[in-house]
Structure formats: C-alpha cells, structure tokens
Amino acid sequence: MGEPIALFPVPELDPAAFAAAQHEVFRGRKLRIGRSGTVHAVGETEWINGLTLPAPACHQGWSGLGAAGDLVPTDHEATCRKCRRLRGLPSLEEASGQGTLFTLG
C-alpha cells in the first residue's frame, strides 16, 4: 500500500538552532501575541531537551510556538501591567504622569 501521505509536511528542524533563532529575533525587544494590541516583556518558556523559547514574561497563555507568527516582535514599550510590574517598571499611568480618574475597590 505504501507510505501514508503527510497532511502537513514538516521539514527537518534542528531544535537548538530553532530556539537560538527565536531568541535572536526577540533579543532586546518586546512581543505581541497575534493581533493583540498588548505589548509584553519577553521571558522564556521551557520547550524540549532543556531548550527554551521566548514567551510573554507574564506567562500570558496562547497556543503555538512562535514559529507560525503567533508571537510578533516589536520595539514598542510594554503595556501589559503584569509584565511591567515583573520588570519593576512603573505603571503606564505613573510613567505618563497622568493619574487614574478614580480608584476602584
């Protein structure tokens, strides 16, 4: 009968080279997830064989590995509140000098 036809042909991939390339793309930059307007600081997430891949520092979830364009590098300032807090940055309101209109809770 022969070999089954691969529905999604995947070229051979060197995991170490892929991880290094992904880290290089995001080095010194921030990221967006898909079409979201939120900009995240870059952290790492465990992948395979002890390798890591760039990911939102706040651990915001998404599906994918970044290889299909689901993580987009950007030079814009981080707007994610959790990422800013984790990096010791002031909130955007504090950074702009504009206070909140009112305090909830």
N, C-alpha and C. Protein backbone atom coordinates (compact mmCIF):
# COMPACT_ATOMS: atom_id res chain seq x y z
N MET A 1 0.81 -1.19 0.00
CA MET A 1 0.00 0.00 0.00
C MET A 1 0.85 1.25 0.00
N GLY A 2 2.07 1.22 0.59
CA GLY A 2 2.94 2.38 0.55
C GLY A 2 2.86 3.22 1.81
N GLU A 3 3.61 4.31 1.81
CA GLU A 3 3.66 5.22 2.95
C GLU A 3 2.45 6.15 2.95
N PRO A 4 1.94 6.50 4.12
CA PRO A 4 0.84 7.45 4.16
C PRO A 4 1.33 8.84 3.72
N ILE A 5 0.43 9.60 3.16
CA ILE A 5 0.75 10.96 2.72
C ILE A 5 0.65 11.88 3.93
N ALA A 6 1.70 12.64 4.16
CA ALA A 6 1.70 13.59 5.28
C ALA A 6 0.74 14.73 4.96
N LEU A 7 -0.17 15.02 5.86
CA LEU A 7 -1.10 16.12 5.65
C LEU A 7 -0.40 17.47 5.78
N PHE A 8 0.56 17.54 6.69
CA PHE A 8 1.29 18.77 6.92
C PHE A 8 2.77 18.45 6.88
N PRO A 9 3.38 18.48 5.70
CA PRO A 9 4.80 18.16 5.62
C PRO A 9 5.63 19.11 6.49
N VAL A 10 6.50 18.55 7.30
CA VAL A 10 7.33 19.34 8.19
C VAL A 10 8.79 19.08 7.82
N PRO A 11 9.52 20.12 7.42
CA PRO A 11 10.93 19.91 7.11
C PRO A 11 11.69 19.56 8.38
N GLU A 12 12.83 18.93 8.21
CA GLU A 12 13.67 18.60 9.36
C GLU A 12 14.03 19.90 10.09
N LEU A 13 13.98 19.85 11.38
CA LEU A 13 14.23 21.04 12.17
C LEU A 13 15.22 20.70 13.28
N ASP A 14 16.25 21.50 13.40
CA ASP A 14 17.21 21.35 14.48
C ASP A 14 16.68 22.17 15.66
N PRO A 15 16.22 21.53 16.72
CA PRO A 15 15.62 22.26 17.84
C PRO A 15 16.54 23.34 18.43
N ALA A 16 17.82 23.04 18.58
CA ALA A 16 18.74 24.02 19.16
C ALA A 16 18.88 25.24 18.26
N ALA A 17 18.97 25.01 16.95
CA ALA A 17 19.09 26.13 16.01
C ALA A 17 17.81 26.95 15.99
N PHE A 18 16.65 26.27 16.04
CA PHE A 18 15.37 26.98 16.05
C PHE A 18 15.24 27.84 17.30
N ALA A 19 15.56 27.27 18.46
CA ALA A 19 15.47 28.03 19.71
C ALA A 19 16.41 29.23 19.68
N ALA A 20 17.62 29.04 19.21
CA ALA A 20 18.59 30.15 19.13
C ALA A 20 18.08 31.24 18.20
N ALA A 21 17.51 30.85 17.06
CA ALA A 21 16.99 31.82 16.11
C ALA A 21 15.83 32.60 16.71
N GLN A 22 14.95 31.92 17.44
CA GLN A 22 13.82 32.61 18.08
C GLN A 22 14.30 33.61 19.13
N HIS A 23 15.28 33.20 19.92
CA HIS A 23 15.83 34.13 20.93
C HIS A 23 16.47 35.34 20.26
N GLU A 24 17.13 35.13 19.14
CA GLU A 24 17.77 36.24 18.43
C GLU A 24 16.74 37.23 17.90
N VAL A 25 15.62 36.73 17.38
CA VAL A 25 14.55 37.59 16.86
C VAL A 25 14.02 38.52 17.96
N PHE A 26 13.93 38.02 19.19
CA PHE A 26 13.32 38.79 20.27
C PHE A 26 14.35 39.48 21.19
N ARG A 27 15.63 39.32 20.93
CA ARG A 27 16.67 39.91 21.78
C ARG A 27 16.52 41.44 21.82
N GLY A 28 16.36 41.98 23.04
CA GLY A 28 16.24 43.42 23.22
C GLY A 28 14.93 44.00 22.76
N ARG A 29 13.95 43.16 22.50
CA ARG A 29 12.67 43.64 22.00
C ARG A 29 11.55 43.20 22.93
N LYS A 30 10.34 43.57 22.61
CA LYS A 30 9.13 43.14 23.30
C LYS A 30 8.36 42.27 22.31
N LEU A 31 7.16 41.81 22.71
CA LEU A 31 6.37 41.00 21.79
C LEU A 31 4.88 41.25 21.96
N ARG A 32 4.17 40.96 20.89
CA ARG A 32 2.71 40.94 20.88
C ARG A 32 2.28 39.52 20.56
N ILE A 33 1.12 39.15 21.07
CA ILE A 33 0.54 37.85 20.74
C ILE A 33 -0.50 38.07 19.65
N GLY A 34 -0.23 37.51 18.48
CA GLY A 34 -1.16 37.66 17.37
C GLY A 34 -1.45 39.11 17.05
N ARG A 35 -2.72 39.44 16.94
CA ARG A 35 -3.13 40.80 16.58
C ARG A 35 -3.44 41.65 17.80
N SER A 36 -3.15 41.14 18.97
CA SER A 36 -3.43 41.88 20.20
C SER A 36 -2.65 43.19 20.23
N GLY A 37 -3.25 44.20 20.81
CA GLY A 37 -2.58 45.48 20.96
C GLY A 37 -1.70 45.53 22.20
N THR A 38 -1.78 44.52 23.05
CA THR A 38 -0.99 44.50 24.28
C THR A 38 0.44 44.10 23.97
N VAL A 39 1.39 44.87 24.49
CA VAL A 39 2.80 44.58 24.28
C VAL A 39 3.35 43.98 25.58
N HIS A 40 3.99 42.83 25.46
CA HIS A 40 4.53 42.11 26.61
C HIS A 40 6.05 42.18 26.64
N ALA A 41 6.61 42.15 27.85
CA ALA A 41 8.05 41.95 28.00
C ALA A 41 8.34 40.51 27.61
N VAL A 42 9.57 40.24 27.19
CA VAL A 42 9.93 38.89 26.75
C VAL A 42 10.57 38.12 27.89
N GLY A 43 10.05 36.93 28.12
CA GLY A 43 10.62 35.99 29.08
C GLY A 43 10.94 34.71 28.33
N GLU A 44 11.00 33.61 29.04
CA GLU A 44 11.28 32.32 28.43
C GLU A 44 10.29 31.28 28.92
N THR A 45 10.06 30.29 28.09
CA THR A 45 9.26 29.15 28.49
C THR A 45 10.02 27.88 28.10
N GLU A 46 9.92 26.86 28.92
CA GLU A 46 10.59 25.60 28.62
C GLU A 46 10.00 24.99 27.36
N TRP A 47 10.86 24.38 26.57
CA TRP A 47 10.41 23.76 25.34
C TRP A 47 10.77 22.28 25.37
N ILE A 48 11.80 21.86 24.68
CA ILE A 48 12.20 20.46 24.66
C ILE A 48 13.71 20.35 24.87
N ASN A 49 14.14 19.20 25.33
CA ASN A 49 15.57 18.92 25.50
C ASN A 49 16.31 20.00 26.28
N GLY A 50 15.64 20.60 27.27
CA GLY A 50 16.28 21.64 28.08
C GLY A 50 16.37 22.99 27.39
N LEU A 51 15.79 23.12 26.21
CA LEU A 51 15.81 24.38 25.47
C LEU A 51 14.64 25.25 25.89
N THR A 52 14.77 26.53 25.67
CA THR A 52 13.68 27.47 25.96
C THR A 52 13.35 28.26 24.71
N LEU A 53 12.15 28.83 24.70
CA LEU A 53 11.70 29.72 23.63
C LEU A 53 11.22 31.02 24.25
N PRO A 54 11.30 32.12 23.51
CA PRO A 54 10.76 33.39 24.01
C PRO A 54 9.25 33.25 24.25
N ALA A 55 8.78 33.94 25.27
CA ALA A 55 7.37 33.92 25.63
C ALA A 55 7.07 35.18 26.43
N PRO A 56 5.80 35.52 26.60
CA PRO A 56 5.48 36.67 27.44
C PRO A 56 6.01 36.47 28.86
N ALA A 57 6.65 37.48 29.41
CA ALA A 57 7.23 37.38 30.75
C ALA A 57 6.17 37.11 31.80
N CYS A 58 4.94 37.56 31.54
CA CYS A 58 3.85 37.40 32.50
C CYS A 58 3.21 36.02 32.41
N HIS A 59 3.66 35.20 31.49
CA HIS A 59 3.12 33.85 31.25
C HIS A 59 1.72 33.87 30.68
N GLN A 60 1.34 34.97 30.00
CA GLN A 60 0.06 35.03 29.32
C GLN A 60 -0.02 33.85 28.36
N GLY A 61 -1.11 33.14 28.39
CA GLY A 61 -1.24 31.96 27.55
C GLY A 61 -1.57 32.29 26.10
N TRP A 62 -1.17 31.40 25.23
CA TRP A 62 -1.51 31.44 23.81
C TRP A 62 -1.20 30.06 23.28
N SER A 63 -1.66 29.75 22.09
CA SER A 63 -1.33 28.43 21.54
C SER A 63 -0.33 28.63 20.41
N GLY A 64 0.68 27.81 20.40
CA GLY A 64 1.68 27.89 19.35
C GLY A 64 3.08 27.93 19.94
N LEU A 65 4.06 28.02 19.06
CA LEU A 65 5.46 28.07 19.46
C LEU A 65 6.13 29.36 19.02
N GLY A 66 5.40 30.23 18.37
CA GLY A 66 6.01 31.43 17.85
C GLY A 66 6.49 31.26 16.43
N ALA A 67 6.57 30.03 15.95
CA ALA A 67 7.10 29.77 14.62
C ALA A 67 6.12 30.15 13.51
N ALA A 68 4.84 30.19 13.82
CA ALA A 68 3.83 30.48 12.81
C ALA A 68 3.40 31.94 12.83
N GLY A 69 4.20 32.78 13.46
CA GLY A 69 3.87 34.20 13.51
C GLY A 69 2.91 34.58 14.61
N ASP A 70 2.66 33.66 15.55
CA ASP A 70 1.73 33.98 16.64
C ASP A 70 2.37 34.90 17.68
N LEU A 71 3.69 34.97 17.74
CA LEU A 71 4.38 35.95 18.57
C LEU A 71 5.09 36.91 17.62
N VAL A 72 4.81 38.19 17.80
CA VAL A 72 5.33 39.20 16.88
C VAL A 72 6.28 40.13 17.64
N PRO A 73 7.54 40.24 17.19
CA PRO A 73 8.48 41.14 17.87
C PRO A 73 8.11 42.60 17.62
N THR A 74 8.36 43.43 18.62
CA THR A 74 8.09 44.87 18.49
C THR A 74 9.07 45.65 19.35
N ASP A 75 9.29 46.89 18.96
CA ASP A 75 10.14 47.79 19.74
C ASP A 75 9.32 48.73 20.62
N HIS A 76 7.99 48.57 20.60
CA HIS A 76 7.12 49.41 21.42
C HIS A 76 7.31 49.12 22.91
N GLU A 77 6.94 50.07 23.72
CA GLU A 77 7.03 49.92 25.16
C GLU A 77 6.02 48.88 25.66
N ALA A 78 6.40 48.10 26.65
CA ALA A 78 5.48 47.11 27.23
C ALA A 78 4.26 47.82 27.81
N THR A 79 3.08 47.32 27.47
CA THR A 79 1.84 47.88 28.01
C THR A 79 1.14 46.91 28.95
N CYS A 80 1.57 45.66 29.00
CA CYS A 80 0.98 44.67 29.90
C CYS A 80 1.31 45.06 31.34
N ARG A 81 0.30 45.23 32.15
CA ARG A 81 0.52 45.65 33.54
C ARG A 81 1.35 44.64 34.32
N LYS A 82 1.08 43.36 34.12
CA LYS A 82 1.82 42.34 34.86
C LYS A 82 3.28 42.30 34.42
N CYS A 83 3.54 42.38 33.12
CA CYS A 83 4.92 42.41 32.62
C CYS A 83 5.66 43.61 33.19
N ARG A 84 5.01 44.78 33.22
CA ARG A 84 5.65 45.99 33.75
C ARG A 84 5.98 45.81 35.23
N ARG A 85 5.05 45.24 35.98
CA ARG A 85 5.27 45.02 37.41
C ARG A 85 6.43 44.04 37.63
N LEU A 86 6.45 42.95 36.85
CA LEU A 86 7.52 41.96 36.98
C LEU A 86 8.89 42.53 36.65
N ARG A 87 8.95 43.50 35.77
CA ARG A 87 10.21 44.13 35.38
C ARG A 87 10.56 45.33 36.25
N GLY A 88 9.70 45.63 37.24
CA GLY A 88 9.96 46.76 38.13
C GLY A 88 9.73 48.11 37.48
N LEU A 89 8.91 48.13 36.43
CA LEU A 89 8.61 49.38 35.74
C LEU A 89 7.37 50.02 36.34
N PRO A 90 7.29 51.35 36.31
CA PRO A 90 6.07 51.99 36.82
C PRO A 90 4.89 51.68 35.91
N SER A 91 3.68 51.79 36.45
CA SER A 91 2.50 51.61 35.61
C SER A 91 2.51 52.68 34.54
N LEU A 92 1.76 52.46 33.47
CA LEU A 92 1.72 53.44 32.39
C LEU A 92 1.17 54.78 32.88
N GLU A 93 0.22 54.73 33.82
CA GLU A 93 -0.33 55.96 34.37
C GLU A 93 0.74 56.74 35.13
N GLU A 94 1.54 56.03 35.94
CA GLU A 94 2.61 56.67 36.69
C GLU A 94 3.69 57.19 35.75
N ALA A 95 4.01 56.41 34.72
CA ALA A 95 5.07 56.79 33.78
C ALA A 95 4.68 58.03 32.99
N SER A 96 3.40 58.19 32.69
CA SER A 96 2.94 59.34 31.91
C SER A 96 2.65 60.55 32.77
N GLY A 97 2.60 60.34 34.09
CA GLY A 97 2.27 61.43 34.99
C GLY A 97 0.78 61.68 35.10
N GLN A 98 -0.02 60.87 34.41
CA GLN A 98 -1.47 61.02 34.45
C GLN A 98 -2.03 60.05 35.47
N GLY A 99 -2.68 60.57 36.48
CA GLY A 99 -3.29 59.73 37.49
C GLY A 99 -4.55 59.07 37.02
N THR A 100 -5.04 58.13 37.79
CA THR A 100 -6.29 57.47 37.46
C THR A 100 -7.44 58.40 37.77
N LEU A 101 -8.52 58.24 37.05
CA LEU A 101 -9.70 59.09 37.24
C LEU A 101 -10.34 58.84 38.60
N PHE A 102 -10.45 57.59 38.99
CA PHE A 102 -10.95 57.22 40.31
C PHE A 102 -10.42 55.84 40.65
N THR A 103 -10.39 55.53 41.94
CA THR A 103 -9.87 54.25 42.41
C THR A 103 -11.02 53.31 42.69
N LEU A 104 -10.92 52.10 42.16
CA LEU A 104 -11.96 51.10 42.40
C LEU A 104 -11.61 50.29 43.63
N GLY A 105 -12.63 49.88 44.36
CA GLY A 105 -12.49 48.93 45.43
C GLY A 105 -11.97 49.47 46.68
